[in-house]
């Protein structure tokens, strides 16, 4: 199976959603939890992703254990979106926790959940027929819990180092969508859980608005720092564009460009 390129233009507003990069310190390197979406899923069926999903209306009213005493505006401030309505900002944290528990059975410590980046799907989504405004979080894995996929939305839960995940992708063993590819590239530069959490707490979440265009008969998605992107300053180390070729997204320079 492979990620199929879609050429549709989507005019609807992005859907608020949350996803979590659950991290643990492995024997050799940092590891992140990935789940394989069910093949019949309407979004990225068969691909390996981080646990997550769209914001539900009830999430905005949820009592978040450990964060219930936070003052009004705290959630939006931490997200770096000060004008975001309280119900949406709080709900994104609740959705991140809820989706992780639903998809892989982990009850995360809300106090250790921290925003990492924000991805807004462009009007030419390339891989989905919907647009999403997804807030990526990082969180440490609970030491006393085991990740188990739900067998409904996900058919596999696997711990993998970012480098190994990218190598498996390159060998055709798993499918990844561009946000997961580029997030894994970021994590290859992180030594462990403590460093990841320290980085997240020391800065506002990175805003990523991919810019797609067609060149030489290929779909190209570029990111901040690329000559074709409106923002000239890069937000992470690594490649600034991916090309759709061989029925998947690849950087110029191949696997070496992903691994730095």
C-alpha atoms as a PDB file:
ATOM      1  CA  UNK A   1       0.000   0.000   0.000  1.00  0.00           C
ATOM      2  CA  UNK A   2       1.145   3.575  -0.592  1.00  0.00           C
ATOM      3  CA  UNK A   3       0.060   7.143   0.073  1.00  0.00           C
ATOM      4  CA  UNK A   4      -1.958   8.172  -2.984  1.00  0.00           C
ATOM      5  CA  UNK A   5      -1.599  11.696  -4.338  1.00  0.00           C
ATOM      6  CA  UNK A   6      -4.851  13.663  -4.453  1.00  0.00           C
ATOM      7  CA  UNK A   7      -5.185  16.680  -6.722  1.00  0.00           C
ATOM      8  CA  UNK A   8      -8.425  18.097  -5.294  1.00  0.00           C
ATOM      9  CA  UNK A   9      -8.720  21.620  -3.965  1.00  0.00           C
ATOM     10  CA  UNK A  10     -10.584  21.869  -0.646  1.00  0.00           C
ATOM     11  CA  UNK A  11     -12.267  25.150   0.253  1.00  0.00           C
ATOM     12  CA  UNK A  12     -13.647  24.146   3.650  1.00  0.00           C
ATOM     13  CA  UNK A  13     -12.103  25.476   6.849  1.00  0.00           C
ATOM     14  CA  UNK A  14      -9.500  23.299   8.593  1.00  0.00           C
ATOM     15  CA  UNK A  15     -10.853  20.964  11.284  1.00  0.00           C
ATOM     16  CA  UNK A  16      -9.373  21.451  14.759  1.00  0.00           C
ATOM     17  CA  UNK A  17      -7.537  18.310  15.811  1.00  0.00           C
ATOM     18  CA  UNK A  18      -4.782  17.042  18.100  1.00  0.00           C
ATOM     19  CA  UNK A  19      -2.108  14.380  17.883  1.00  0.00           C
ATOM     20  CA  UNK A  20       0.472  13.192  20.392  1.00  0.00           C
ATOM     21  CA  UNK A  21       4.033  12.064  19.930  1.00  0.00           C
ATOM     22  CA  UNK A  22       4.301   9.782  22.963  1.00  0.00           C
ATOM     23  CA  UNK A  23       7.989   9.367  23.774  1.00  0.00           C
ATOM     24  CA  UNK A  24      10.150   7.004  25.786  1.00  0.00           C
ATOM     25  CA  UNK A  25      13.876   6.482  26.215  1.00  0.00           C
ATOM     26  CA  UNK A  26      14.777   3.250  24.449  1.00  0.00           C
ATOM     27  CA  UNK A  27      17.893   1.158  24.919  1.00  0.00           C
ATOM     28  CA  UNK A  28      19.705   2.837  22.017  1.00  0.00           C
ATOM     29  CA  UNK A  29      17.743   6.003  21.278  1.00  0.00           C
ATOM     30  CA  UNK A  30      14.582   8.003  21.795  1.00  0.00           C
ATOM     31  CA  UNK A  31      11.478   6.080  20.715  1.00  0.00           C
ATOM     32  CA  UNK A  32       8.075   7.335  19.632  1.00  0.00           C
ATOM     33  CA  UNK A  33       4.772   5.476  19.570  1.00  0.00           C
ATOM     34  CA  UNK A  34       3.130   5.078  16.168  1.00  0.00           C
ATOM     35  CA  UNK A  35      -0.134   3.394  15.266  1.00  0.00           C
ATOM     36  CA  UNK A  36      -1.130   2.003  11.889  1.00  0.00           C
ATOM     37  CA  UNK A  37      -4.474   3.367  10.806  1.00  0.00           C
ATOM     38  CA  UNK A  38      -7.079   0.875   9.672  1.00  0.00           C
ATOM     39  CA  UNK A  39      -6.984   0.361   5.920  1.00  0.00           C
ATOM     40  CA  UNK A  40     -10.639   1.393   5.616  1.00  0.00           C
ATOM     41  CA  UNK A  41     -10.069   4.673   7.429  1.00  0.00           C
ATOM     42  CA  UNK A  42     -11.238   7.750   5.546  1.00  0.00           C
ATOM     43  CA  UNK A  43      -8.036   9.587   6.465  1.00  0.00           C
ATOM     44  CA  UNK A  44      -4.605   8.075   5.740  1.00  0.00           C
ATOM     45  CA  UNK A  45      -5.848   4.497   5.760  1.00  0.00           C
ATOM     46  CA  UNK A  46      -2.978   2.045   6.258  1.00  0.00           C
ATOM     47  CA  UNK A  47      -0.429   4.710   7.157  1.00  0.00           C
ATOM     48  CA  UNK A  48       1.549   4.886  10.385  1.00  0.00           C
ATOM     49  CA  UNK A  49       0.675   7.997  12.375  1.00  0.00           C
ATOM     50  CA  UNK A  50       0.858   9.334  15.903  1.00  0.00           C
ATOM     51  CA  UNK A  51      -2.277   8.783  18.040  1.00  0.00           C
ATOM     52  CA  UNK A  52      -4.785  11.575  17.551  1.00  0.00           C
ATOM     53  CA  UNK A  53      -7.979  12.802  15.985  1.00  0.00           C
ATOM     54  CA  UNK A  54     -10.383  15.677  15.593  1.00  0.00           C
ATOM     55  CA  UNK A  55     -11.729  17.844  18.384  1.00  0.00           C
ATOM     56  CA  UNK A  56     -15.127  16.709  19.693  1.00  0.00           C
ATOM     57  CA  UNK A  57     -17.623  19.184  21.096  1.00  0.00           C
ATOM     58  CA  UNK A  58     -17.496  17.461  24.493  1.00  0.00           C
ATOM     59  CA  UNK A  59     -13.736  17.961  24.715  1.00  0.00           C
ATOM     60  CA  UNK A  60     -14.214  21.646  25.452  1.00  0.00           C
ATOM     61  CA  UNK A  61     -16.220  20.789  28.575  1.00  0.00           C
ATOM     62  CA  UNK A  62     -14.010  17.941  29.761  1.00  0.00           C
ATOM     63  CA  UNK A  63     -12.456  18.014  33.203  1.00  0.00           C
ATOM     64  CA  UNK A  64      -8.730  17.521  32.640  1.00  0.00           C
ATOM     65  CA  UNK A  65      -7.266  15.891  35.730  1.00  0.00           C
ATOM     66  CA  UNK A  66      -4.156  17.755  36.793  1.00  0.00           C
ATOM     67  CA  UNK A  67      -5.002  20.867  34.775  1.00  0.00           C
ATOM     68  CA  UNK A  68      -8.444  21.751  36.123  1.00  0.00           C
ATOM     69  CA  UNK A  69      -7.003  24.633  38.164  1.00  0.00           C
ATOM     70  CA  UNK A  70      -5.454  26.420  35.185  1.00  0.00           C
ATOM     71  CA  UNK A  71      -6.606  30.020  34.791  1.00  0.00           C
ATOM     72  CA  UNK A  72      -8.698  31.118  31.837  1.00  0.00           C
ATOM     73  CA  UNK A  73      -6.431  31.749  28.881  1.00  0.00           C
ATOM     74  CA  UNK A  74      -3.652  29.415  30.032  1.00  0.00           C
ATOM     75  CA  UNK A  75      -4.329  26.751  27.399  1.00  0.00           C
ATOM     76  CA  UNK A  76      -4.412  29.255  24.536  1.00  0.00           C
ATOM     77  CA  UNK A  77      -1.248  30.932  25.799  1.00  0.00           C
ATOM     78  CA  UNK A  78       0.678  27.657  25.942  1.00  0.00           C
ATOM     79  CA  UNK A  79      -0.537  26.820  22.453  1.00  0.00           C
ATOM     80  CA  UNK A  80       0.748  30.178  21.231  1.00  0.00           C
ATOM     81  CA  UNK A  81      -2.751  31.112  20.045  1.00  0.00           C
ATOM     82  CA  UNK A  82      -3.900  33.835  22.465  1.00  0.00           C
ATOM     83  CA  UNK A  83      -7.179  34.590  20.633  1.00  0.00           C
ATOM     84  CA  UNK A  84      -8.265  30.935  20.495  1.00  0.00           C
ATOM     85  CA  UNK A  85     -11.584  30.430  22.332  1.00  0.00           C
ATOM     86  CA  UNK A  86     -11.165  28.809  25.748  1.00  0.00           C
ATOM     87  CA  UNK A  87     -13.356  25.822  24.848  1.00  0.00           C
ATOM     88  CA  UNK A  88     -11.236  25.072  21.773  1.00  0.00           C
ATOM     89  CA  UNK A  89      -7.880  25.573  23.508  1.00  0.00           C
ATOM     90  CA  UNK A  90      -8.838  23.445  26.513  1.00  0.00           C
ATOM     91  CA  UNK A  91     -10.537  20.957  24.221  1.00  0.00           C
ATOM     92  CA  UNK A  92      -7.372  20.370  22.213  1.00  0.00           C
ATOM     93  CA  UNK A  93      -5.573  19.189  25.351  1.00  0.00           C
ATOM     94  CA  UNK A  94      -8.556  17.005  26.238  1.00  0.00           C
ATOM     95  CA  UNK A  95      -8.714  15.593  22.697  1.00  0.00           C
ATOM     96  CA  UNK A  96      -5.014  14.729  22.767  1.00  0.00           C
ATOM     97  CA  UNK A  97      -5.446  12.804  26.008  1.00  0.00           C
ATOM     98  CA  UNK A  98      -8.714  11.151  24.947  1.00  0.00           C
ATOM     99  CA  UNK A  99      -7.511  10.022  21.531  1.00  0.00           C
ATOM    100  CA  UNK A 100      -4.304   8.551  22.948  1.00  0.00           C
ATOM    101  CA  UNK A 101      -6.265   6.510  25.457  1.00  0.00           C
ATOM    102  CA  UNK A 102      -8.841   5.416  22.873  1.00  0.00           C
ATOM    103  CA  UNK A 103      -6.345   4.401  20.214  1.00  0.00           C
ATOM    104  CA  UNK A 104      -3.595   2.779  22.261  1.00  0.00           C
ATOM    105  CA  UNK A 105      -4.808   2.497  25.855  1.00  0.00           C
ATOM    106  CA  UNK A 106      -2.398   4.969  27.457  1.00  0.00           C
ATOM    107  CA  UNK A 107      -3.627   7.343  30.163  1.00  0.00           C
ATOM    108  CA  UNK A 108      -1.127  10.181  29.885  1.00  0.00           C
ATOM    109  CA  UNK A 109      -0.249  12.606  32.657  1.00  0.00           C
ATOM    110  CA  UNK A 110      -1.891  15.840  31.491  1.00  0.00           C
ATOM    111  CA  UNK A 111       0.686  17.909  33.365  1.00  0.00           C
ATOM    112  CA  UNK A 112       3.444  16.438  31.185  1.00  0.00           C
ATOM    113  CA  UNK A 113       1.593  17.035  27.897  1.00  0.00           C
ATOM    114  CA  UNK A 114       3.131  19.930  25.989  1.00  0.00           C
ATOM    115  CA  UNK A 115       2.523  21.516  22.545  1.00  0.00           C
ATOM    116  CA  UNK A 116       5.240  20.859  19.965  1.00  0.00           C
ATOM    117  CA  UNK A 117       4.016  22.160  16.599  1.00  0.00           C
ATOM    118  CA  UNK A 118       0.947  23.242  14.671  1.00  0.00           C
ATOM    119  CA  UNK A 119       0.253  21.971  11.146  1.00  0.00           C
ATOM    120  CA  UNK A 120      -2.392  23.603   8.947  1.00  0.00           C
ATOM    121  CA  UNK A 121      -3.368  21.663   5.837  1.00  0.00           C
ATOM    122  CA  UNK A 122      -3.261  23.819   2.669  1.00  0.00           C
ATOM    123  CA  UNK A 123      -6.178  24.133   0.225  1.00  0.00           C
ATOM    124  CA  UNK A 124      -4.434  21.503  -1.908  1.00  0.00           C
ATOM    125  CA  UNK A 125      -4.088  18.815   0.777  1.00  0.00           C
ATOM    126  CA  UNK A 126      -2.296  16.271  -1.494  1.00  0.00           C
ATOM    127  CA  UNK A 127      -3.045  13.270   0.773  1.00  0.00           C
ATOM    128  CA  UNK A 128      -6.542  13.831   2.220  1.00  0.00           C
ATOM    129  CA  UNK A 129      -9.859  15.255   1.090  1.00  0.00           C
ATOM    130  CA  UNK A 130     -10.149  17.280   4.272  1.00  0.00           C
ATOM    131  CA  UNK A 131      -8.171  20.077   5.832  1.00  0.00           C
ATOM    132  CA  UNK A 132      -6.950  19.936   9.424  1.00  0.00           C
ATOM    133  CA  UNK A 133      -5.543  22.405  11.907  1.00  0.00           C
ATOM    134  CA  UNK A 134      -3.589  19.892  13.954  1.00  0.00           C
ATOM    135  CA  UNK A 135      -1.737  20.659  17.149  1.00  0.00           C
ATOM    136  CA  UNK A 136       1.090  18.201  17.731  1.00  0.00           C
ATOM    137  CA  UNK A 137       1.915  17.504  21.385  1.00  0.00           C
ATOM    138  CA  UNK A 138       4.749  15.625  23.073  1.00  0.00           C
ATOM    139  CA  UNK A 139       4.311  13.557  26.231  1.00  0.00           C
ATOM    140  CA  UNK A 140       6.355  10.959  28.106  1.00  0.00           C
ATOM    141  CA  UNK A 141       5.043   7.406  28.061  1.00  0.00           C
ATOM    142  CA  UNK A 142       3.655   6.198  31.411  1.00  0.00           C
ATOM    143  CA  UNK A 143       6.120   3.713  32.916  1.00  0.00           C
ATOM    144  CA  UNK A 144       3.452   1.358  34.246  1.00  0.00           C
ATOM    145  CA  UNK A 145       1.237   1.067  31.168  1.00  0.00           C
ATOM    146  CA  UNK A 146       1.436  -0.908  27.931  1.00  0.00           C
ATOM    147  CA  UNK A 147       0.401   0.503  24.565  1.00  0.00           C
ATOM    148  CA  UNK A 148      -2.229  -1.687  22.886  1.00  0.00           C
ATOM    149  CA  UNK A 149      -3.951  -0.711  19.644  1.00  0.00           C
ATOM    150  CA  UNK A 150      -7.743  -0.532  19.692  1.00  0.00           C
ATOM    151  CA  UNK A 151      -8.238  -2.872  16.669  1.00  0.00           C
ATOM    152  CA  UNK A 152     -10.870  -0.445  15.354  1.00  0.00           C
ATOM    153  CA  UNK A 153      -9.178   2.782  14.273  1.00  0.00           C
ATOM    154  CA  UNK A 154      -5.697   1.282  14.548  1.00  0.00           C
ATOM    155  CA  UNK A 155      -4.380  -2.170  13.638  1.00  0.00           C
ATOM    156  CA  UNK A 156      -0.895  -1.908  15.134  1.00  0.00           C
ATOM    157  CA  UNK A 157       0.920   0.018  17.861  1.00  0.00           C
ATOM    158  CA  UNK A 158       4.699   0.081  17.656  1.00  0.00           C
ATOM    159  CA  UNK A 159       7.548   1.785  19.460  1.00  0.00           C
ATOM    160  CA  UNK A 160      10.233   2.893  17.039  1.00  0.00           C
ATOM    161  CA  UNK A 161      13.131   5.299  16.990  1.00  0.00           C
ATOM    162  CA  UNK A 162      12.622   8.207  14.577  1.00  0.00           C
ATOM    163  CA  UNK A 163      15.609   7.069  12.545  1.00  0.00           C
ATOM    164  CA  UNK A 164      14.325   3.492  12.283  1.00  0.00           C
ATOM    165  CA  UNK A 165      10.857   4.725  11.276  1.00  0.00           C
ATOM    166  CA  UNK A 166      12.340   6.798   8.442  1.00  0.00           C
ATOM    167  CA  UNK A 167      14.512   3.884   7.319  1.00  0.00           C
ATOM    168  CA  UNK A 168      11.501   1.541   7.334  1.00  0.00           C
ATOM    169  CA  UNK A 169       9.590   4.114   5.295  1.00  0.00           C
ATOM    170  CA  UNK A 170      12.413   4.336   2.780  1.00  0.00           C
ATOM    171  CA  UNK A 171      12.526   0.544   2.458  1.00  0.00           C
ATOM    172  CA  UNK A 172       8.773   0.470   1.752  1.00  0.00           C
ATOM    173  CA  UNK A 173       7.898  -1.344   4.968  1.00  0.00           C
ATOM    174  CA  UNK A 174       5.542   1.377   6.250  1.00  0.00           C
ATOM    175  CA  UNK A 175       3.651   4.346   4.812  1.00  0.00           C
ATOM    176  CA  UNK A 176       4.023   7.857   6.214  1.00  0.00           C
ATOM    177  CA  UNK A 177       2.324  11.129   5.357  1.00  0.00           C
ATOM    178  CA  UNK A 178       4.366  14.345   5.083  1.00  0.00           C
ATOM    179  CA  UNK A 179       3.580  15.708   8.589  1.00  0.00           C
ATOM    180  CA  UNK A 180       4.764  12.451  10.146  1.00  0.00           C
ATOM    181  CA  UNK A 181       7.865  12.351   7.934  1.00  0.00           C
ATOM    182  CA  UNK A 182       8.915  15.866   8.860  1.00  0.00           C
ATOM    183  CA  UNK A 183       8.089  15.408  12.551  1.00  0.00           C
ATOM    184  CA  UNK A 184      10.225  12.278  12.655  1.00  0.00           C
ATOM    185  CA  UNK A 185      13.032  14.243  11.005  1.00  0.00           C
ATOM    186  CA  UNK A 186      12.786  16.763  13.866  1.00  0.00           C
ATOM    187  CA  UNK A 187      12.913  13.987  16.463  1.00  0.00           C
ATOM    188  CA  UNK A 188      16.080  12.467  14.981  1.00  0.00           C
ATOM    189  CA  UNK A 189      17.880  15.506  16.425  1.00  0.00           C
ATOM    190  CA  UNK A 190      16.527  14.889  19.964  1.00  0.00           C
ATOM    191  CA  UNK A 191      18.541  12.727  22.346  1.00  0.00           C
ATOM    192  CA  UNK A 192      15.821  11.732  24.803  1.00  0.00           C
ATOM    193  CA  UNK A 193      12.514  12.451  26.484  1.00  0.00           C
ATOM    194  CA  UNK A 194      13.917  15.075  28.837  1.00  0.00           C
ATOM    195  CA  UNK A 195      15.395  17.052  25.955  1.00  0.00           C
ATOM    196  CA  UNK A 196      12.163  16.888  23.950  1.00  0.00           C
ATOM    197  CA  UNK A 197      10.100  18.201  26.856  1.00  0.00           C
ATOM    198  CA  UNK A 198      12.670  20.892  27.604  1.00  0.00           C
ATOM    199  CA  UNK A 199      12.602  22.041  23.983  1.00  0.00           C
ATOM    200  CA  UNK A 200       8.799  22.132  23.932  1.00  0.00           C
ATOM    201  CA  UNK A 201       8.591  24.171  27.126  1.00  0.00           C
ATOM    202  CA  UNK A 202      11.290  26.628  26.019  1.00  0.00           C
ATOM    203  CA  UNK A 203       9.503  27.852  22.894  1.00  0.00           C
ATOM    204  CA  UNK A 204       6.109  28.355  21.335  1.00  0.00           C
ATOM    205  CA  UNK A 205       4.896  25.566  19.037  1.00  0.00           C
ATOM    206  CA  UNK A 206       6.330  25.692  15.525  1.00  0.00           C
ATOM    207  CA  UNK A 207       3.733  26.837  12.973  1.00  0.00           C
ATOM    208  CA  UNK A 208       3.930  24.826   9.760  1.00  0.00           C
ATOM    209  CA  UNK A 209       1.826  25.795   6.760  1.00  0.00           C
ATOM    210  CA  UNK A 210       2.956  23.580   3.870  1.00  0.00           C
ATOM    211  CA  UNK A 211       3.036  25.216   0.448  1.00  0.00           C
ATOM    212  CA  UNK A 212       2.301  22.806  -2.445  1.00  0.00           C
ATOM    213  CA  UNK A 213       3.106  23.383  -6.104  1.00  0.00           C
ATOM    214  CA  UNK A 214       3.731  21.313  -9.218  1.00  0.00           C
ATOM    215  CA  UNK A 215       7.155  21.177 -10.862  1.00  0.00           C
ATOM    216  CA  UNK A 216       8.330  18.971 -13.692  1.00  0.00           C
ATOM    217  CA  UNK A 217       5.183  16.883 -13.514  1.00  0.00           C
ATOM    218  CA  UNK A 218       5.678  16.215  -9.791  1.00  0.00           C
ATOM    219  CA  UNK A 219       3.784  17.505  -6.763  1.00  0.00           C
ATOM    220  CA  UNK A 220       6.158  19.319  -4.419  1.00  0.00           C
ATOM    221  CA  UNK A 221       5.373  20.330  -0.846  1.00  0.00           C
ATOM    222  CA  UNK A 222       7.712  22.935   0.576  1.00  0.00           C
ATOM    223  CA  UNK A 223       8.160  24.191   4.116  1.00  0.00           C
ATOM    224  CA  UNK A 224       9.540  27.314   5.818  1.00  0.00           C
ATOM    225  CA  UNK A 225      13.071  28.045   4.670  1.00  0.00           C
ATOM    226  CA  UNK A 226      12.496  26.772   1.129  1.00  0.00           C
ATOM    227  CA  UNK A 227      12.953  29.301  -1.715  1.00  0.00           C
ATOM    228  CA  UNK A 228       9.349  28.693  -2.831  1.00  0.00           C
ATOM    229  CA  UNK A 229       7.823  29.067   0.646  1.00  0.00           C
ATOM    230  CA  UNK A 230       6.484  32.458   1.822  1.00  0.00           C
ATOM    231  CA  UNK A 231       8.593  32.178   5.007  1.00  0.00           C
ATOM    232  CA  UNK A 232      12.314  32.382   4.295  1.00  0.00           C
ATOM    233  CA  UNK A 233      13.498  31.209   7.727  1.00  0.00           C
ATOM    234  CA  UNK A 234      13.544  27.439   8.392  1.00  0.00           C
ATOM    235  CA  UNK A 235      11.829  26.166  11.536  1.00  0.00           C
ATOM    236  CA  UNK A 236      13.756  22.893  11.814  1.00  0.00           C
ATOM    237  CA  UNK A 237      16.941  21.216  10.560  1.00  0.00           C
ATOM    238  CA  UNK A 238      16.603  18.969   7.544  1.00  0.00           C
ATOM    239  CA  UNK A 239      14.985  19.141   4.098  1.00  0.00           C
ATOM    240  CA  UNK A 240      12.606  21.980   3.222  1.00  0.00           C
ATOM    241  CA  UNK A 241      10.657  20.146   0.531  1.00  0.00           C
ATOM    242  CA  UNK A 242       9.246  16.740  -0.346  1.00  0.00           C
ATOM    243  CA  UNK A 243       8.435  15.494  -3.860  1.00  0.00           C
ATOM    244  CA  UNK A 244       5.776  12.927  -4.717  1.00  0.00           C
ATOM    245  CA  UNK A 245       7.556  10.251  -6.693  1.00  0.00           C
ATOM    246  CA  UNK A 246       7.513   6.441  -6.598  1.00  0.00           C
ATOM    247  CA  UNK A 247       4.010   6.755  -5.059  1.00  0.00           C
ATOM    248  CA  UNK A 248       5.361   8.398  -1.933  1.00  0.00           C
ATOM    249  CA  UNK A 249       6.911  11.655  -0.720  1.00  0.00           C
ATOM    250  CA  UNK A 250      10.694  11.889  -0.931  1.00  0.00           C
ATOM    251  CA  UNK A 251      13.194  14.690  -0.288  1.00  0.00           C
ATOM    252  CA  UNK A 252      15.855  15.705  -2.761  1.00  0.00           C
ATOM    253  CA  UNK A 253      18.878  13.806  -1.520  1.00  0.00           C
ATOM    254  CA  UNK A 254      16.975  10.674  -0.524  1.00  0.00           C
ATOM    255  CA  UNK A 255      17.184   8.951   2.834  1.00  0.00           C
ATOM    256  CA  UNK A 256      20.405  10.769   3.739  1.00  0.00           C
ATOM    257  CA  UNK A 257      18.507  14.076   3.614  1.00  0.00           C
ATOM    258  CA  UNK A 258      15.926  12.737   6.076  1.00  0.00           C
ATOM    259  CA  UNK A 259      18.536  11.428   8.490  1.00  0.00           C
ATOM    260  CA  UNK A 260      20.735  14.524   8.331  1.00  0.00           C
END
